[in-house]
Amino acid sequence: MNNPIGAYATIQYTDEANPIENYYFSFGDAGFDYENDEGQDWGNDSYGIPDWDIFYYCNGGEEELKSLMLDGNNDFKVLSYELIYEMESV
């Protein structure tokens, strides 16, 4: 099986009562450098997923995503996720 390229997750913001489903977490590289390319057009991650569809970049892959399931890391917590794999070409 291929390596996962990201995951769809259910998250909960620390200041919200209800969880939110289907946020995409990318395991790819960002299409551009956020800190140095201010004002640049949106790009795609290294797997071709449009940046505007990505909630969060997990450069550390699934291990980083798992760490977001712990309290106190961000203003949100990952409650559950489903890994997404790159489509194989035929």
C-alpha atoms as a PDB file:
ATOM      1  CA  MET A   1       0.000   0.000   0.000  1.00  0.00           C
ATOM      2  CA  ASN A   2       1.133   3.551  -0.692  1.00  0.00           C
ATOM      3  CA  ASN A   3       2.090   5.974   2.034  1.00  0.00           C
ATOM      4  CA  PRO A   4      -0.692   8.301   3.183  1.00  0.00           C
ATOM      5  CA  ILE A   5      -0.707  11.792   1.685  1.00  0.00           C
ATOM      6  CA  GLY A   6      -2.956  13.280   4.361  1.00  0.00           C
ATOM      7  CA  ALA A   7      -6.078  12.701   6.402  1.00  0.00           C
ATOM      8  CA  TYR A   8      -9.613  13.932   6.853  1.00  0.00           C
ATOM      9  CA  ALA A   9     -10.184  14.682  10.509  1.00  0.00           C
ATOM     10  CA  THR A  10     -12.877  15.656  12.948  1.00  0.00           C
ATOM     11  CA  ILE A  11     -11.659  18.511  15.107  1.00  0.00           C
ATOM     12  CA  GLN A  12     -12.962  20.515  18.001  1.00  0.00           C
ATOM     13  CA  TYR A  13     -11.930  24.094  18.709  1.00  0.00           C
ATOM     14  CA  THR A  14     -11.175  24.705  22.359  1.00  0.00           C
ATOM     15  CA  ASP A  15     -13.791  27.474  22.523  1.00  0.00           C
ATOM     16  CA  GLU A  16     -16.531  25.626  20.601  1.00  0.00           C
ATOM     17  CA  ALA A  17     -18.991  23.030  21.884  1.00  0.00           C
ATOM     18  CA  ASN A  18     -19.534  21.062  18.683  1.00  0.00           C
ATOM     19  CA  PRO A  19     -16.955  19.077  16.691  1.00  0.00           C
ATOM     20  CA  ILE A  20     -16.441  19.847  13.001  1.00  0.00           C
ATOM     21  CA  GLU A  21     -15.882  17.065  10.457  1.00  0.00           C
ATOM     22  CA  ASN A  22     -13.876  16.713   7.253  1.00  0.00           C
ATOM     23  CA  TYR A  23     -10.971  19.059   7.788  1.00  0.00           C
ATOM     24  CA  TYR A  24      -8.057  18.054   5.537  1.00  0.00           C
ATOM     25  CA  PHE A  25      -4.582  17.679   7.041  1.00  0.00           C
ATOM     26  CA  SER A  26      -1.832  17.457   4.424  1.00  0.00           C
ATOM     27  CA  PHE A  27       1.325  15.389   4.885  1.00  0.00           C
ATOM     28  CA  GLY A  28       2.875  17.101   1.844  1.00  0.00           C
ATOM     29  CA  ASP A  29       4.998  20.196   1.492  1.00  0.00           C
ATOM     30  CA  ALA A  30       3.295  23.566   1.103  1.00  0.00           C
ATOM     31  CA  GLY A  31       3.115  24.984  -2.396  1.00  0.00           C
ATOM     32  CA  PHE A  32       4.967  28.082  -1.235  1.00  0.00           C
ATOM     33  CA  ASP A  33       6.710  29.541   1.791  1.00  0.00           C
ATOM     34  CA  TYR A  34       4.041  31.247   3.909  1.00  0.00           C
ATOM     35  CA  GLU A  35       6.530  33.422   5.767  1.00  0.00           C
ATOM     36  CA  ASN A  36       8.380  34.738   2.715  1.00  0.00           C
ATOM     37  CA  ASP A  37       5.792  34.686  -0.080  1.00  0.00           C
ATOM     38  CA  GLU A  38       3.116  36.973   1.316  1.00  0.00           C
ATOM     39  CA  GLY A  39       0.615  37.918  -1.337  1.00  0.00           C
ATOM     40  CA  GLN A  40       1.539  35.016  -3.612  1.00  0.00           C
ATOM     41  CA  ASP A  41      -1.277  33.185  -5.332  1.00  0.00           C
ATOM     42  CA  TRP A  42      -2.526  30.006  -3.724  1.00  0.00           C
ATOM     43  CA  GLY A  43      -0.675  26.863  -4.721  1.00  0.00           C
ATOM     44  CA  ASN A  44      -0.897  23.122  -4.228  1.00  0.00           C
ATOM     45  CA  ASP A  45       0.835  20.877  -1.753  1.00  0.00           C
ATOM     46  CA  SER A  46       3.443  18.445  -3.068  1.00  0.00           C
ATOM     47  CA  TYR A  47       0.662  15.916  -3.789  1.00  0.00           C
ATOM     48  CA  GLY A  48      -1.372  18.376  -5.871  1.00  0.00           C
ATOM     49  CA  ILE A  49      -4.024  19.171  -3.243  1.00  0.00           C
ATOM     50  CA  PRO A  50      -5.048  22.861  -3.534  1.00  0.00           C
ATOM     51  CA  ASP A  51      -3.887  24.911  -0.571  1.00  0.00           C
ATOM     52  CA  TRP A  52      -7.367  26.359  -0.002  1.00  0.00           C
ATOM     53  CA  ASP A  53      -8.615  22.793   0.704  1.00  0.00           C
ATOM     54  CA  ILE A  54      -5.971  22.224   3.395  1.00  0.00           C
ATOM     55  CA  PHE A  55      -6.707  23.091   7.002  1.00  0.00           C
ATOM     56  CA  TYR A  56      -3.278  22.211   8.405  1.00  0.00           C
ATOM     57  CA  TYR A  57       0.097  20.983   7.145  1.00  0.00           C
ATOM     58  CA  CYS A  58       1.481  18.044   9.152  1.00  0.00           C
ATOM     59  CA  ASN A  59       5.078  17.919   7.952  1.00  0.00           C
ATOM     60  CA  GLY A  60       5.667  15.103  10.444  1.00  0.00           C
ATOM     61  CA  GLY A  61       3.000  12.916   8.843  1.00  0.00           C
ATOM     62  CA  GLU A  62       0.682  10.730  10.864  1.00  0.00           C
ATOM     63  CA  GLU A  63       2.822  11.025  13.996  1.00  0.00           C
ATOM     64  CA  GLU A  64       2.345  14.796  14.019  1.00  0.00           C
ATOM     65  CA  LEU A  65      -1.376  14.348  13.408  1.00  0.00           C
ATOM     66  CA  LYS A  66      -1.558  11.987  16.396  1.00  0.00           C
ATOM     67  CA  SER A  67       0.144  14.631  18.539  1.00  0.00           C
ATOM     68  CA  LEU A  68      -2.690  17.024  17.663  1.00  0.00           C
ATOM     69  CA  MET A  69      -5.051  14.648  19.463  1.00  0.00           C
ATOM     70  CA  LEU A  70      -3.527  15.744  22.771  1.00  0.00           C
ATOM     71  CA  ASP A  71      -4.916  18.641  24.763  1.00  0.00           C
ATOM     72  CA  GLY A  72      -3.102  21.960  24.822  1.00  0.00           C
ATOM     73  CA  ASN A  73      -1.251  21.849  21.489  1.00  0.00           C
ATOM     74  CA  ASN A  74      -3.312  24.381  19.534  1.00  0.00           C
ATOM     75  CA  ASP A  75      -6.639  26.181  19.579  1.00  0.00           C
ATOM     76  CA  PHE A  76      -8.131  22.919  18.276  1.00  0.00           C
ATOM     77  CA  LYS A  77      -7.862  19.210  19.002  1.00  0.00           C
ATOM     78  CA  VAL A  78      -8.107  16.341  16.515  1.00  0.00           C
ATOM     79  CA  LEU A  79     -10.767  13.897  17.717  1.00  0.00           C
ATOM     80  CA  SER A  80     -10.497  11.286  14.964  1.00  0.00           C
ATOM     81  CA  TYR A  81      -9.120  10.933  11.451  1.00  0.00           C
ATOM     82  CA  GLU A  82      -9.100   8.784   8.330  1.00  0.00           C
ATOM     83  CA  LEU A  83      -5.909   8.490   6.305  1.00  0.00           C
ATOM     84  CA  ILE A  84      -6.016   9.359   2.604  1.00  0.00           C
ATOM     85  CA  TYR A  85      -3.768   7.613   0.092  1.00  0.00           C
ATOM     86  CA  GLU A  86      -2.568   8.762  -3.307  1.00  0.00           C
ATOM     87  CA  MET A  87      -4.503   7.223  -6.180  1.00  0.00           C
ATOM     88  CA  GLU A  88      -2.478   4.696  -8.137  1.00  0.00           C
ATOM     89  CA  SER A  89      -2.349   5.286 -11.870  1.00  0.00           C
ATOM     90  CA  VAL A  90      -3.493   2.397 -14.042  1.00  0.00           C
END
